[in-house]
Amino acid sequence: MDNLLDLKSSEPSRGYWDLNWSLPGGTDRYQLLQGSEYSVIHMSNDQLEVSFKSIYEPSAPGIRLPLSVDFRYIVRSGVSGFHCYAIYECPSGCRAFDLAQTRMAFKFHNFHYMAITDQKQRIMPMPEDLLPDRGKQLIVPESVLLVNPINPDLKGEANLILKENSTKSEIFQKKQTNKDLGCLVCGRVQVDDKYQYSTDNKDGGVHGWISSGPIVGFWIIFPSHEFCNGGPTKQNLTVHTGPNCLAMFHGTHYIGTDILVHFEEGETWRKVFGPFFVYLNSTLDISNAYNLWTDAKKQRLFEESLWPYDFVSSPYYLTAKERGSASGRLLVQDRFVSGSLVPAKYAYVGLSAARTEGVYGLHGWVSGFIGDYLNDELVTISSDRTATGFYVPDVNLMYVNKLFLNSPEKYRQHGMWDRYTDIHPESDQVFAIGINNPTKDWFFAHVDRRGENKYLPSTWKISFNLTSVTKGSYRLRLAIATATRSDLQVNVNYMDTQHLVFQVMNLGTDNTVCRHGIHGLYRLFNIDVSSSLLIEGNNSIFLTQVRGGDALCGVLYDYIRLEAPATSSRFQQLYPESKAQDIFRKM
């Protein structure tokens, strides 16, 4: 194969760096990044490092991207691939601007099989399958119903559900009939959407494609995600129909404008994105094609063992001897879980944004507890910050992606927002504490109800019983895994203004519902509820999605808990900031 990249695309559009940016308050601008100055940074018998640099000149006329970028590529002897990184810099005199997204992308030809994880891999549609004569665009522009795909095996939900004795090599090779492959015919239409192949940074590390002839693997390997903005739970795109393969470094997907990088007038800044590794492998035997994925996973582990690399020439990339370390114990204080400090198992700890130059905060959160740790403040109790564990129904058979049949990621199927109305056709969801099960009875996304001509607001009811009411202020903890264009109101016992205890308008720009996610930007609201609003006996809390007319708005709850006031003087002495009783929790 002379060239792995797409020969139909112009040369600058086959493998490239790009970004989205805007002037403050302005419209989004897309820019393909190109270097205007070439130089050899390092050359020896064992290694070559080259640079392609673009320098911003503040005095130049017109509106130009206020950013200097230095692209670096490293080729090493005996290494099947190359390392890529880039140095982004705002030099003195730059104008103010916002950075929305930046990445490196590769476009191929003759690659049809993609792999993200052991469970998420498949033969993909052709780019022509997304065009109007072969596919039908759905409510989400990126979602296309494959009506008449070039590959007949992809028509009717790929027409394949593998039997237990079907191997990955058989999937890759499938040139035979369905009967020969040992498969069942489904007769469903398949949906393709690039957001269905998103993954958390913490769950990624290697993804790529295998070509059909010659049999070559192309893999993007992240030896670390420390240079990717958004942290370990940030969701990013990986691969999509094209075939395209992405290395994402910064973007607003699943978070929205909250993660925009705002640069002030004259502000200086520099960051190294990468290095990441582009790994190539091959085989002459088609029956060994799947082994290219296995080999790529091994290469990922090897690259991780080398991190931080010791062969990068830029002085702005810090080697191991230039880095420090931190050690200690992180404990959680949740007085409703334990009277003792709880070890922070499965914690995420790192440096948060600098408060002043060179001074950072130590930030962390713990799966299973609400809140954050920042410096010496321990805000107790959090969650896993996702809507995982709630009820996700089966997909409408009109919109199947076979990759997520019988998968823990059922929520990635298209059209799951409409399944709420299918499951609750007459009235909205009612959840009784102590009776209902959140894994079966709490729909994973609070969305609008599908009406006859438009989407309608929906109100969810949580019912619970109080044997007594303690005078004082109760506390409702409302942790939200993600939200999009939501007007949320919370009422206690009655749906009137006197019993309205909380409201927030236009919450979130995460777009998680339409992009088939389960979490986005985490938000925690602590709501005071007067005891005068509660009664002995049966009580209700109403959660209302007030905004109607929007199929894709929604709130995904993470954790809800109502706490009673303290009643014991001894308890107040030990825990003056605490509430005494956990009335209910819905996790």
Protein backbone atom coordinates (compact mmCIF):
# COMPACT_ATOMS: atom_id res chain seq x y z
CA MET A 1 0.00 0.00 0.00
CA ASP A 2 1.62 3.26 -1.13
CA ASN A 3 -0.43 5.54 1.10
CA LEU A 4 -2.79 4.75 3.96
CA LEU A 5 -4.46 8.15 3.81
CA ASP A 6 -7.43 9.14 1.67
CA LEU A 7 -6.14 9.96 -1.81
CA LYS A 8 -9.50 11.52 -2.76
CA SER A 9 -9.01 14.30 -0.20
CA SER A 10 -6.62 17.17 -0.78
CA GLU A 11 -3.20 16.55 0.73
CA PRO A 12 -3.65 18.99 3.67
CA SER A 13 -6.97 17.29 4.54
CA ARG A 14 -5.72 13.73 4.89
CA GLY A 15 -3.85 14.04 8.18
CA TYR A 16 -4.07 17.38 9.95
CA TRP A 17 -4.33 19.46 13.11
CA ASP A 18 -7.30 21.80 13.43
CA LEU A 19 -9.17 23.90 15.95
CA ASN A 20 -12.33 25.89 16.57
CA TRP A 21 -12.02 29.36 18.04
CA SER A 22 -13.86 32.65 18.28
CA LEU A 23 -13.41 36.26 19.27
CA PRO A 24 -15.16 37.11 22.58
CA GLY A 25 -18.89 37.02 21.92
CA GLY A 26 -18.31 36.16 18.26
CA THR A 27 -19.26 33.22 16.06
CA ASP A 28 -17.32 29.98 15.85
CA ARG A 29 -14.40 29.89 13.42
CA TYR A 30 -12.93 26.64 12.08
CA GLN A 31 -9.26 26.66 11.14
CA LEU A 32 -7.01 24.05 9.59
CA LEU A 33 -3.59 24.49 11.20
CA GLN A 34 -0.50 24.49 8.99
CA GLY A 35 3.14 25.22 9.65
CA SER A 36 4.94 27.79 7.52
CA GLU A 37 8.46 27.17 8.81
CA TYR A 38 10.21 23.80 8.61
CA SER A 39 13.26 22.78 10.63
CA VAL A 40 15.08 19.68 11.81
CA ILE A 41 15.18 19.70 15.61
CA HIS A 42 17.21 16.55 16.17
CA MET A 43 18.85 14.05 13.83
CA SER A 44 20.96 11.02 14.69
CA ASN A 45 21.32 7.40 13.59
CA ASP A 46 18.52 6.45 16.01
CA GLN A 47 16.08 9.35 15.86
CA LEU A 48 14.74 12.21 13.77
CA GLU A 49 12.57 15.03 15.13
CA VAL A 50 11.20 17.69 12.77
CA SER A 51 9.19 20.84 13.33
CA PHE A 52 6.54 22.68 11.31
CA LYS A 53 5.90 26.03 12.94
CA SER A 54 3.38 28.81 12.48
CA ILE A 55 4.14 32.10 14.29
CA TYR A 56 1.49 34.69 15.18
CA GLU A 57 2.40 38.28 14.47
CA PRO A 58 0.15 40.69 16.44
CA SER A 59 0.91 43.51 14.00
CA ALA A 60 -0.33 41.57 10.95
CA PRO A 61 -3.54 42.99 9.42
CA GLY A 62 -6.90 41.23 9.50
CA ILE A 63 -8.47 38.78 11.91
CA ARG A 64 -6.05 35.92 12.44
CA LEU A 65 -5.87 33.13 14.99
CA PRO A 66 -3.93 34.68 17.92
CA LEU A 67 -1.87 31.56 18.49
CA SER A 68 1.59 30.30 17.55
CA VAL A 69 1.79 26.55 16.99
CA ASP A 70 4.80 24.28 16.64
CA PHE A 71 4.00 20.78 15.31
CA ARG A 72 6.57 18.09 16.07
CA TYR A 73 7.00 14.59 14.64
CA ILE A 74 9.47 12.01 15.94
CA VAL A 75 10.62 8.92 14.04
CA ARG A 76 12.81 6.42 15.94
CA SER A 77 14.88 3.55 14.62
CA GLY A 78 13.21 0.16 15.03
CA VAL A 79 9.86 1.69 16.04
CA SER A 80 6.84 0.88 13.86
CA GLY A 81 5.17 4.28 13.92
CA PHE A 82 5.82 7.88 14.88
CA HIS A 83 5.18 10.22 17.80
CA CYS A 84 3.28 13.49 17.41
CA TYR A 85 2.95 16.52 19.64
CA ALA A 86 2.32 20.24 19.35
CA ILE A 87 3.28 23.31 21.36
CA TYR A 88 0.53 25.93 21.48
CA GLU A 89 1.52 29.40 22.60
CA CYS A 90 -0.09 32.81 23.07
CA PRO A 91 2.84 35.22 22.77
CA SER A 92 2.84 38.70 24.23
CA GLY A 93 0.49 41.05 22.41
CA CYS A 94 -2.17 38.49 21.45
CA ARG A 95 -5.77 39.63 21.21
CA ALA A 96 -8.49 38.07 23.36
CA PHE A 97 -10.11 34.90 22.03
CA ASP A 98 -11.86 31.67 23.08
CA LEU A 99 -10.58 28.19 22.24
CA ALA A 100 -13.37 25.62 21.81
CA GLN A 101 -11.69 22.53 20.33
CA THR A 102 -8.39 21.24 19.01
CA ARG A 103 -7.34 17.80 17.75
CA MET A 104 -5.40 15.83 15.15
CA ALA A 105 -7.35 13.85 12.55
CA PHE A 106 -6.52 11.17 9.99
CA LYS A 107 -8.64 10.16 6.99
CA PHE A 108 -8.05 6.81 5.26
CA HIS A 109 -9.09 4.73 2.33
CA ASN A 110 -9.67 0.97 2.28
CA PHE A 111 -10.13 0.74 6.07
CA HIS A 112 -13.45 -0.80 7.15
CA TYR A 113 -12.98 -2.43 10.59
CA MET A 114 -12.62 -0.26 13.67
CA ALA A 115 -11.78 -1.13 17.28
CA ILE A 116 -12.09 0.99 20.43
CA THR A 117 -12.27 -1.68 23.15
CA ASP A 118 -12.57 -5.46 23.23
CA GLN A 119 -16.36 -5.03 23.21
CA LYS A 120 -16.68 -2.03 20.87
CA GLN A 121 -15.44 -2.98 17.41
CA ARG A 122 -17.17 -3.64 14.13
CA ILE A 123 -17.22 -3.30 10.34
CA MET A 124 -18.24 0.29 9.65
CA PRO A 125 -20.41 1.85 6.92
CA MET A 126 -18.90 3.56 3.90
CA PRO A 127 -19.01 7.39 3.72
CA GLU A 128 -21.41 7.11 0.76
CA ASP A 129 -23.86 5.30 3.08
CA LEU A 130 -24.46 8.57 4.92
CA LEU A 131 -25.60 10.40 1.78
CA PRO A 132 -29.34 10.94 1.03
CA ASP A 133 -29.61 8.24 -1.64
CA ARG A 134 -28.40 5.55 0.78
CA GLY A 135 -29.17 6.90 4.26
CA LYS A 136 -31.83 8.93 6.05
CA GLN A 137 -30.81 11.72 8.40
CA LEU A 138 -32.58 11.59 11.77
CA ILE A 139 -33.40 14.29 14.34
CA VAL A 140 -29.74 14.48 15.34
CA PRO A 141 -27.77 15.60 12.24
CA GLU A 142 -24.97 13.12 12.90
CA SER A 143 -27.42 10.19 13.15
CA VAL A 144 -28.14 8.42 9.86
CA LEU A 145 -30.45 5.48 9.23
CA LEU A 146 -28.67 3.08 6.85
CA VAL A 147 -31.40 2.37 4.32
CA ASN A 148 -29.38 1.03 1.39
CA PRO A 149 -25.73 0.62 2.46
CA ILE A 150 -23.03 -0.47 -0.01
CA ASN A 151 -22.15 -3.41 2.23
CA PRO A 152 -25.34 -5.54 2.21
CA ASP A 153 -24.35 -7.06 5.55
CA LEU A 154 -25.03 -3.68 7.18
CA LYS A 155 -28.60 -3.54 5.93
CA GLY A 156 -31.06 -4.78 8.49
CA GLU A 157 -28.95 -4.05 11.58
CA ALA A 158 -25.93 -5.59 9.91
CA ASN A 159 -28.28 -8.60 9.90
CA LEU A 160 -25.94 -10.20 12.38
CA ILE A 161 -26.09 -11.29 15.98
CA LEU A 162 -23.11 -13.54 16.52
CA LYS A 163 -23.54 -16.94 17.99
CA GLU A 164 -21.19 -17.89 20.80
CA ASN A 165 -18.93 -19.90 18.48
CA SER A 166 -18.32 -16.98 16.09
CA THR A 167 -14.85 -15.50 16.46
CA LYS A 168 -13.53 -11.99 15.90
CA SER A 169 -11.54 -13.23 12.91
CA GLU A 170 -14.78 -14.53 11.38
CA ILE A 171 -16.35 -11.11 11.80
CA PHE A 172 -13.43 -9.47 10.08
CA GLN A 173 -13.37 -11.97 7.25
CA LYS A 174 -17.09 -12.09 6.69
CA LYS A 175 -17.25 -12.54 2.97
CA GLN A 176 -19.51 -15.57 3.20
CA THR A 177 -23.26 -15.88 3.71
CA ASN A 178 -24.96 -15.34 7.05
CA LYS A 179 -25.46 -19.07 7.32
CA ASP A 180 -21.75 -19.74 6.81
CA LEU A 181 -20.89 -17.26 9.55
CA GLY A 182 -23.19 -18.87 12.07
CA CYS A 183 -25.40 -15.81 12.62
CA LEU A 184 -29.02 -14.95 13.14
CA VAL A 185 -30.79 -12.52 10.82
CA CYS A 186 -32.41 -9.57 12.61
CA GLY A 187 -34.22 -7.62 9.94
CA ARG A 188 -33.73 -4.29 11.72
CA VAL A 189 -32.41 -1.08 10.22
CA GLN A 190 -29.13 0.18 11.59
CA VAL A 191 -28.17 3.68 12.76
CA ASP A 192 -24.69 5.15 12.51
CA ASP A 193 -23.61 8.15 14.61
CA LYS A 194 -20.06 9.23 15.43
CA TYR A 195 -21.04 10.06 19.02
CA GLN A 196 -21.92 6.42 19.67
CA TYR A 197 -18.20 5.68 19.60
CA SER A 198 -17.24 8.24 22.25
CA THR A 199 -15.34 7.10 25.33
CA ASP A 200 -14.08 8.52 28.61
CA ASN A 201 -10.41 9.49 28.67
CA LYS A 202 -9.86 7.02 31.51
CA ASP A 203 -11.32 4.18 29.45
CA GLY A 204 -9.43 4.97 26.24
CA GLY A 205 -5.76 4.72 25.42
CA VAL A 206 -5.82 2.97 22.05
CA HIS A 207 -8.26 3.03 19.14
CA GLY A 208 -7.96 2.62 15.40
CA TRP A 209 -8.71 0.76 12.20
CA ILE A 210 -7.74 -2.35 10.23
CA SER A 211 -7.64 -2.23 6.43
CA SER A 212 -9.02 -5.04 4.30
CA GLY A 213 -6.14 -5.43 1.88
CA PRO A 214 -3.31 -5.35 2.49
CA ILE A 215 -4.12 -6.02 6.15
CA VAL A 216 -2.69 -3.07 8.06
CA GLY A 217 -3.56 -1.69 11.48
CA PHE A 218 -3.50 2.05 12.18
CA TRP A 219 -3.71 2.92 15.87
CA ILE A 220 -3.68 6.11 17.94
CA ILE A 221 -2.15 5.42 21.34
CA PHE A 222 -2.28 7.80 24.30
CA PRO A 223 0.47 6.83 26.77
CA SER A 224 -1.10 9.34 29.16
CA HIS A 225 -4.11 11.65 29.16
CA GLU A 226 -2.48 14.27 31.37
CA PHE A 227 -2.35 16.75 28.49
CA CYS A 228 -6.03 16.30 27.55
CA ASN A 229 -8.34 18.93 29.02
CA GLY A 230 -11.39 17.86 31.01
CA GLY A 231 -9.89 15.18 33.22
CA PRO A 232 -10.30 11.39 33.35
CA THR A 233 -14.07 11.35 32.87
CA LYS A 234 -14.13 13.74 29.91
CA GLN A 235 -15.80 12.00 26.95
CA ASN A 236 -14.15 12.37 23.56
CA LEU A 237 -14.69 11.18 20.02
CA THR A 238 -12.44 8.37 18.78
CA VAL A 239 -13.34 7.03 15.31
CA HIS A 240 -16.23 7.48 12.92
CA THR A 241 -17.39 6.63 9.43
CA GLY A 242 -15.09 8.13 6.84
CA PRO A 243 -13.02 6.28 7.84
CA ASN A 244 -11.63 8.82 10.33
CA CYS A 245 -9.40 8.44 13.38
CA LEU A 246 -9.11 11.26 15.93
CA ALA A 247 -6.72 12.35 18.65
CA MET A 248 -8.78 14.76 20.76
CA PHE A 249 -7.03 17.16 23.14
CA HIS A 250 -9.66 19.73 24.01
CA GLY A 251 -13.33 20.08 23.14
CA THR A 252 -16.77 21.10 24.34
CA HIS A 253 -18.51 17.77 23.66
CA TYR A 254 -20.58 16.54 26.65
CA ILE A 255 -19.69 19.67 28.68
CA GLY A 256 -20.57 22.68 26.57
CA THR A 257 -19.36 26.24 26.93
CA ASP A 258 -18.20 25.73 30.53
CA ILE A 259 -14.97 24.22 29.18
CA LEU A 260 -14.22 27.01 26.70
CA VAL A 261 -10.70 28.37 27.24
CA HIS A 262 -10.93 32.17 27.55
CA PHE A 263 -7.76 34.13 26.81
CA GLU A 264 -7.66 37.77 27.86
CA GLU A 265 -6.11 40.56 25.82
CA GLY A 266 -2.31 40.29 26.08
CA GLU A 267 -2.41 37.10 28.16
CA THR A 268 0.57 34.78 27.61
CA TRP A 269 0.14 31.02 27.70
CA ARG A 270 1.85 27.85 26.54
CA LYS A 271 0.85 24.17 26.54
CA VAL A 272 2.24 20.94 25.08
CA PHE A 273 -0.42 18.61 23.66
CA GLY A 274 1.08 15.12 23.48
CA PRO A 275 3.12 13.28 22.53
CA PHE A 276 0.80 10.54 21.39
CA PHE A 277 1.90 7.58 19.30
CA VAL A 278 0.69 6.52 15.85
CA TYR A 279 1.34 2.79 15.70
CA LEU A 280 1.29 0.68 12.53
CA ASN A 281 1.22 -3.12 12.32
CA SER A 282 0.33 -5.65 9.62
CA THR A 283 -0.14 -9.29 8.75
CA LEU A 284 -0.23 -11.32 5.53
CA ASP A 285 -2.77 -13.81 6.91
CA ILE A 286 -6.38 -12.57 7.05
CA SER A 287 -7.15 -15.07 9.80
CA ASN A 288 -4.69 -13.14 12.00
CA ALA A 289 -6.31 -9.76 11.36
CA TYR A 290 -7.85 -9.54 14.83
CA ASN A 291 -4.40 -10.12 16.33
CA LEU A 292 -3.47 -6.63 15.14
CA TRP A 293 -5.83 -5.27 17.80
CA THR A 294 -4.28 -7.52 20.44
CA ASP A 295 -0.84 -6.33 19.41
CA ALA A 296 -1.95 -2.68 19.55
CA LYS A 297 -3.12 -3.16 23.14
CA LYS A 298 0.27 -4.57 24.07
CA GLN A 299 1.95 -1.59 22.41
CA ARG A 300 -0.21 0.75 24.46
CA LEU A 301 1.04 -0.87 27.68
CA PHE A 302 4.61 -0.52 26.44
CA GLU A 303 4.12 3.19 25.64
CA GLU A 304 2.64 3.74 29.09
CA SER A 305 5.71 2.12 30.65
CA LEU A 306 7.91 4.68 28.86
CA TRP A 307 5.93 7.69 30.11
CA PRO A 308 7.11 10.37 30.53
CA TYR A 309 9.21 9.94 27.39
CA ASP A 310 12.92 10.69 27.55
CA PHE A 311 13.41 11.33 23.82
CA VAL A 312 11.35 14.54 23.34
CA SER A 313 13.49 17.53 22.39
CA SER A 314 11.25 20.43 23.40
CA PRO A 315 12.29 22.11 26.68
CA TYR A 316 8.59 22.69 27.40
CA TYR A 317 7.96 18.96 27.73
CA LEU A 318 8.95 17.91 31.25
CA THR A 319 10.95 14.70 31.64
CA ALA A 320 10.74 12.38 34.63
CA LYS A 321 13.58 14.10 36.51
CA GLU A 322 11.84 17.46 36.08
CA ARG A 323 8.62 16.23 37.65
CA GLY A 324 7.60 15.98 41.28
CA SER A 325 5.28 13.71 43.19
CA ALA A 326 2.73 13.91 46.01
CA SER A 327 1.76 11.28 48.55
CA GLY A 328 -0.64 11.04 51.45
CA ARG A 329 -4.02 9.73 52.52
CA LEU A 330 -7.39 10.97 51.36
CA LEU A 331 -10.31 10.23 53.69
CA VAL A 332 -14.02 10.95 53.27
CA GLN A 333 -16.27 12.23 56.04
CA ASP A 334 -19.87 11.19 55.39
CA ARG A 335 -21.74 11.02 58.66
CA PHE A 336 -24.69 9.25 57.06
CA VAL A 337 -22.49 6.41 55.86
CA SER A 338 -20.12 5.95 58.79
CA GLY A 339 -19.22 7.55 62.11
CA SER A 340 -15.56 7.14 61.13
CA LEU A 341 -13.50 8.52 58.29
CA VAL A 342 -13.87 6.40 55.14
CA PRO A 343 -10.79 5.60 53.00
CA ALA A 344 -11.15 7.25 49.59
CA LYS A 345 -11.19 4.11 47.46
CA TYR A 346 -11.24 4.71 43.69
CA ALA A 347 -10.53 8.43 44.16
CA TYR A 348 -9.50 10.79 41.37
CA VAL A 349 -6.89 13.30 42.55
CA GLY A 350 -5.00 15.92 40.57
CA LEU A 351 -4.02 19.55 40.24
CA SER A 352 -6.84 21.98 39.57
CA ALA A 353 -6.56 25.25 37.68
CA ALA A 354 -3.89 27.65 38.91
CA ARG A 355 -5.16 30.26 41.37
CA THR A 356 -2.10 32.42 40.82
CA GLU A 357 0.85 31.80 38.56
CA GLY A 358 2.63 28.62 39.62
CA VAL A 359 0.22 27.93 42.49
CA TYR A 360 -2.29 25.12 42.00
CA GLY A 361 -4.97 23.54 44.11
CA LEU A 362 -5.06 19.86 45.01
CA HIS A 363 -8.43 18.67 43.83
CA GLY A 364 -10.16 15.32 44.11
CA TRP A 365 -13.42 13.43 44.18
CA VAL A 366 -14.39 9.92 45.21
CA SER A 367 -16.73 7.57 43.40
CA GLY A 368 -19.72 6.90 45.67
CA PHE A 369 -19.69 10.24 47.51
CA ILE A 370 -21.17 13.67 46.73
CA GLY A 371 -18.91 16.69 46.47
CA ASP A 372 -15.27 17.59 45.98
CA TYR A 373 -12.04 17.79 47.90
CA LEU A 374 -10.08 21.00 47.41
CA ASN A 375 -7.03 21.81 49.53
CA ASP A 376 -8.00 21.51 53.21
CA GLU A 377 -11.76 21.67 52.58
CA LEU A 378 -13.46 18.31 52.53
CA VAL A 379 -16.95 18.64 51.10
CA THR A 380 -18.42 15.29 52.02
CA ILE A 381 -20.54 12.82 50.12
CA SER A 382 -20.64 12.19 46.31
CA SER A 383 -21.58 9.67 43.69
CA ASP A 384 -20.10 8.15 40.59
CA ARG A 385 -21.15 11.33 38.72
CA THR A 386 -23.03 9.38 36.07
CA ALA A 387 -26.57 8.12 35.56
CA THR A 388 -25.23 4.56 35.51
CA GLY A 389 -27.35 2.20 37.60
CA PHE A 390 -30.71 3.59 36.50
CA TYR A 391 -33.16 2.06 34.06
CA VAL A 392 -32.04 2.12 30.42
CA PRO A 393 -34.60 0.38 28.19
CA ASP A 394 -34.00 -1.62 25.07
CA VAL A 395 -33.68 0.35 21.85
CA ASN A 396 -36.53 0.90 19.43
CA LEU A 397 -35.88 -1.78 16.81
CA MET A 398 -36.02 0.84 14.07
CA TYR A 399 -32.76 2.42 15.29
CA VAL A 400 -30.40 -0.38 16.24
CA ASN A 401 -26.62 -0.23 16.32
CA LYS A 402 -25.63 -3.85 16.83
CA LEU A 403 -22.51 -2.79 18.72
CA PHE A 404 -24.67 -1.93 21.73
CA LEU A 405 -27.08 -4.86 21.74
CA ASN A 406 -26.75 -6.69 25.07
CA SER A 407 -24.18 -4.08 26.07
CA PRO A 408 -23.70 -2.18 29.36
CA GLU A 409 -23.70 0.92 27.13
CA LYS A 410 -27.30 0.52 25.93
CA TYR A 411 -27.74 4.27 26.38
CA ARG A 412 -25.59 4.83 23.27
CA GLN A 413 -28.38 3.58 21.02
CA HIS A 414 -30.20 6.21 18.99
CA GLY A 415 -33.56 7.63 20.08
CA MET A 416 -33.45 6.61 23.75
CA TRP A 417 -35.10 9.90 24.73
CA ASP A 418 -38.31 8.77 23.00
CA ARG A 419 -38.36 5.51 24.93
CA TYR A 420 -39.47 7.46 28.04
CA THR A 421 -42.87 8.13 26.44
CA ASP A 422 -43.08 4.54 25.20
CA ILE A 423 -42.61 3.27 28.76
CA HIS A 424 -44.85 5.92 30.39
CA PRO A 425 -47.48 6.50 27.68
CA GLU A 426 -50.27 7.87 29.89
CA SER A 427 -48.59 9.65 32.83
CA ASP A 428 -45.16 10.61 34.14
CA GLN A 429 -42.83 8.58 36.31
CA VAL A 430 -43.69 8.00 39.99
CA PHE A 431 -41.00 6.59 42.27
CA ALA A 432 -41.85 5.37 45.78
CA ILE A 433 -38.98 5.19 48.26
CA GLY A 434 -38.68 1.71 49.73
CA ILE A 435 -40.92 0.18 47.07
CA ASN A 436 -39.50 1.00 43.64
CA ASN A 437 -36.09 -0.09 42.40
CA PRO A 438 -33.97 2.60 40.67
CA THR A 439 -32.43 0.03 38.32
CA LYS A 440 -35.89 -0.87 37.03
CA ASP A 441 -38.16 2.07 37.78
CA TRP A 442 -36.07 5.26 37.44
CA PHE A 443 -35.65 6.23 33.79
CA PHE A 444 -32.05 7.28 33.24
CA ALA A 445 -32.88 10.66 31.61
CA HIS A 446 -35.50 13.23 32.63
CA VAL A 447 -36.66 14.38 29.21
CA ASP A 448 -39.76 15.90 27.63
CA ARG A 449 -42.77 13.73 26.95
CA ARG A 450 -43.57 13.09 23.28
CA GLY A 451 -46.98 14.56 22.52
CA GLU A 452 -49.19 14.36 19.48
CA ASN A 453 -47.66 17.38 17.78
CA LYS A 454 -44.81 18.49 20.05
CA TYR A 455 -42.75 17.54 23.08
CA LEU A 456 -44.31 18.44 26.42
CA PRO A 457 -42.93 19.26 29.91
CA SER A 458 -42.73 16.31 32.31
CA THR A 459 -42.99 16.04 36.10
CA TRP A 460 -41.48 13.19 38.09
CA LYS A 461 -42.81 12.39 41.55
CA ILE A 462 -40.79 10.93 44.44
CA SER A 463 -43.03 9.59 47.23
CA PHE A 464 -41.74 8.94 50.75
CA ASN A 465 -43.11 8.52 54.27
CA LEU A 466 -42.18 10.46 57.40
CA THR A 467 -43.15 9.06 60.80
CA SER A 468 -42.40 12.49 62.31
CA VAL A 469 -41.27 15.94 61.21
CA THR A 470 -38.39 17.68 62.96
CA LYS A 471 -38.72 21.44 63.21
CA GLY A 472 -36.01 23.28 61.31
CA SER A 473 -34.42 23.17 57.88
CA TYR A 474 -34.13 19.96 55.90
CA ARG A 475 -31.47 19.67 53.19
CA LEU A 476 -32.13 18.21 49.72
CA ARG A 477 -28.93 17.15 47.94
CA LEU A 478 -29.48 17.14 44.18
CA ALA A 479 -26.48 15.90 42.21
CA ILE A 480 -26.80 16.10 38.44
CA ALA A 481 -24.64 14.00 36.11
CA THR A 482 -25.39 16.17 33.07
CA ALA A 483 -27.95 18.66 31.77
CA THR A 484 -28.91 20.23 28.45
CA ARG A 485 -31.17 23.28 27.96
CA SER A 486 -33.25 22.34 31.00
CA ASP A 487 -35.60 24.48 33.07
CA LEU A 488 -35.81 22.49 36.32
CA GLN A 489 -38.19 23.14 39.21
CA VAL A 490 -38.44 21.30 42.53
CA ASN A 491 -41.65 21.39 44.57
CA VAL A 492 -42.49 19.77 47.90
CA ASN A 493 -45.96 18.23 48.32
CA TYR A 494 -47.83 20.75 46.15
CA MET A 495 -47.27 22.17 42.69
CA ASP A 496 -47.66 25.85 43.59
CA THR A 497 -45.34 28.78 44.20
CA GLN A 498 -45.58 28.42 48.01
CA HIS A 499 -44.11 24.92 47.77
CA LEU A 500 -41.48 25.72 45.12
CA VAL A 501 -38.10 25.23 46.82
CA PHE A 502 -35.74 25.42 43.85
CA GLN A 503 -35.59 26.37 40.20
CA VAL A 504 -32.85 26.84 37.65
CA MET A 505 -33.35 27.98 34.08
CA ASN A 506 -31.55 26.96 30.90
CA LEU A 507 -29.31 24.54 32.77
CA GLY A 508 -26.47 23.01 30.80
CA THR A 509 -25.08 22.93 27.29
CA ASP A 510 -23.71 19.38 27.53
CA ASN A 511 -25.78 17.89 24.64
CA THR A 512 -25.45 14.51 26.35
CA VAL A 513 -28.92 13.26 25.40
CA CYS A 514 -28.49 13.63 21.65
CA ARG A 515 -24.87 12.45 21.80
CA HIS A 516 -25.77 9.19 23.52
CA GLY A 517 -23.90 9.86 26.78
CA ILE A 518 -24.47 8.98 30.44
CA HIS A 519 -22.64 11.90 32.04
CA GLY A 520 -21.28 15.36 31.27
CA LEU A 521 -20.52 18.35 33.49
CA TYR A 522 -21.24 17.44 37.12
CA ARG A 523 -23.34 19.85 39.19
CA LEU A 524 -24.35 19.69 42.86
CA PHE A 525 -27.22 21.71 44.34
CA ASN A 526 -27.84 21.87 48.11
CA ILE A 527 -31.46 22.96 48.66
CA ASP A 528 -32.93 24.06 52.00
CA VAL A 529 -36.45 22.78 52.65
CA SER A 530 -38.45 24.24 55.53
CA SER A 531 -40.01 21.66 57.85
CA SER A 532 -43.27 23.59 57.49
CA LEU A 533 -43.62 22.16 53.98
CA LEU A 534 -43.51 18.56 55.22
CA ILE A 535 -46.14 16.48 57.04
CA GLU A 536 -46.25 13.29 59.05
CA GLY A 537 -47.17 10.47 56.72
CA ASN A 538 -46.94 10.51 52.94
CA ASN A 539 -44.89 13.26 51.28
CA SER A 540 -43.85 13.98 47.71
CA ILE A 541 -41.08 15.78 45.92
CA PHE A 542 -41.81 16.86 42.36
CA LEU A 543 -39.05 17.31 39.77
CA THR A 544 -40.38 19.20 36.75
CA GLN A 545 -38.72 19.58 33.39
CA VAL A 546 -40.53 22.84 32.66
CA ARG A 547 -39.24 23.47 29.17
CA GLY A 548 -41.33 21.89 26.44
CA GLY A 549 -40.95 21.62 22.69
CA ASP A 550 -37.42 20.20 22.83
CA ALA A 551 -36.90 16.49 22.15
CA LEU A 552 -33.24 16.61 23.14
CA CYS A 553 -33.24 18.66 26.35
CA GLY A 554 -32.89 16.73 29.58
CA VAL A 555 -31.41 16.15 33.02
CA LEU A 556 -29.60 12.97 34.03
CA TYR A 557 -29.65 12.73 37.81
CA ASP A 558 -26.76 11.19 39.67
CA TYR A 559 -27.81 11.20 43.31
CA ILE A 560 -30.74 12.60 45.32
CA ARG A 561 -30.85 12.67 49.12
CA LEU A 562 -33.05 14.38 51.73
CA GLU A 563 -31.50 14.99 55.14
CA ALA A 564 -33.35 15.92 58.33
CA PRO A 565 -32.17 18.52 60.85
CA ALA A 566 -30.05 17.43 63.80
CA THR A 567 -32.02 16.50 66.92
CA SER A 568 -29.30 15.39 69.34
CA SER A 569 -27.29 18.04 71.22
CA ARG A 570 -24.43 15.55 71.45
CA PHE A 571 -24.61 15.03 67.67
CA GLN A 572 -24.57 18.79 67.10
CA GLN A 573 -21.55 19.10 69.37
CA LEU A 574 -19.63 16.46 67.40
CA TYR A 575 -20.89 17.49 63.95
CA PRO A 576 -22.12 21.12 64.08
CA GLU A 577 -22.54 21.33 60.29
CA SER A 578 -24.32 18.02 59.90
CA LYS A 579 -27.89 16.93 59.43
CA ALA A 580 -28.94 14.12 61.71
CA GLN A 581 -30.97 11.76 59.63
CA ASP A 582 -30.89 10.51 56.06
CA ILE A 583 -34.59 10.52 55.16
CA PHE A 584 -34.18 8.97 51.74
CA ARG A 585 -31.67 8.59 48.98
CA LYS A 586 -32.14 7.62 45.36
CA MET A 587 -28.95 6.47 43.75
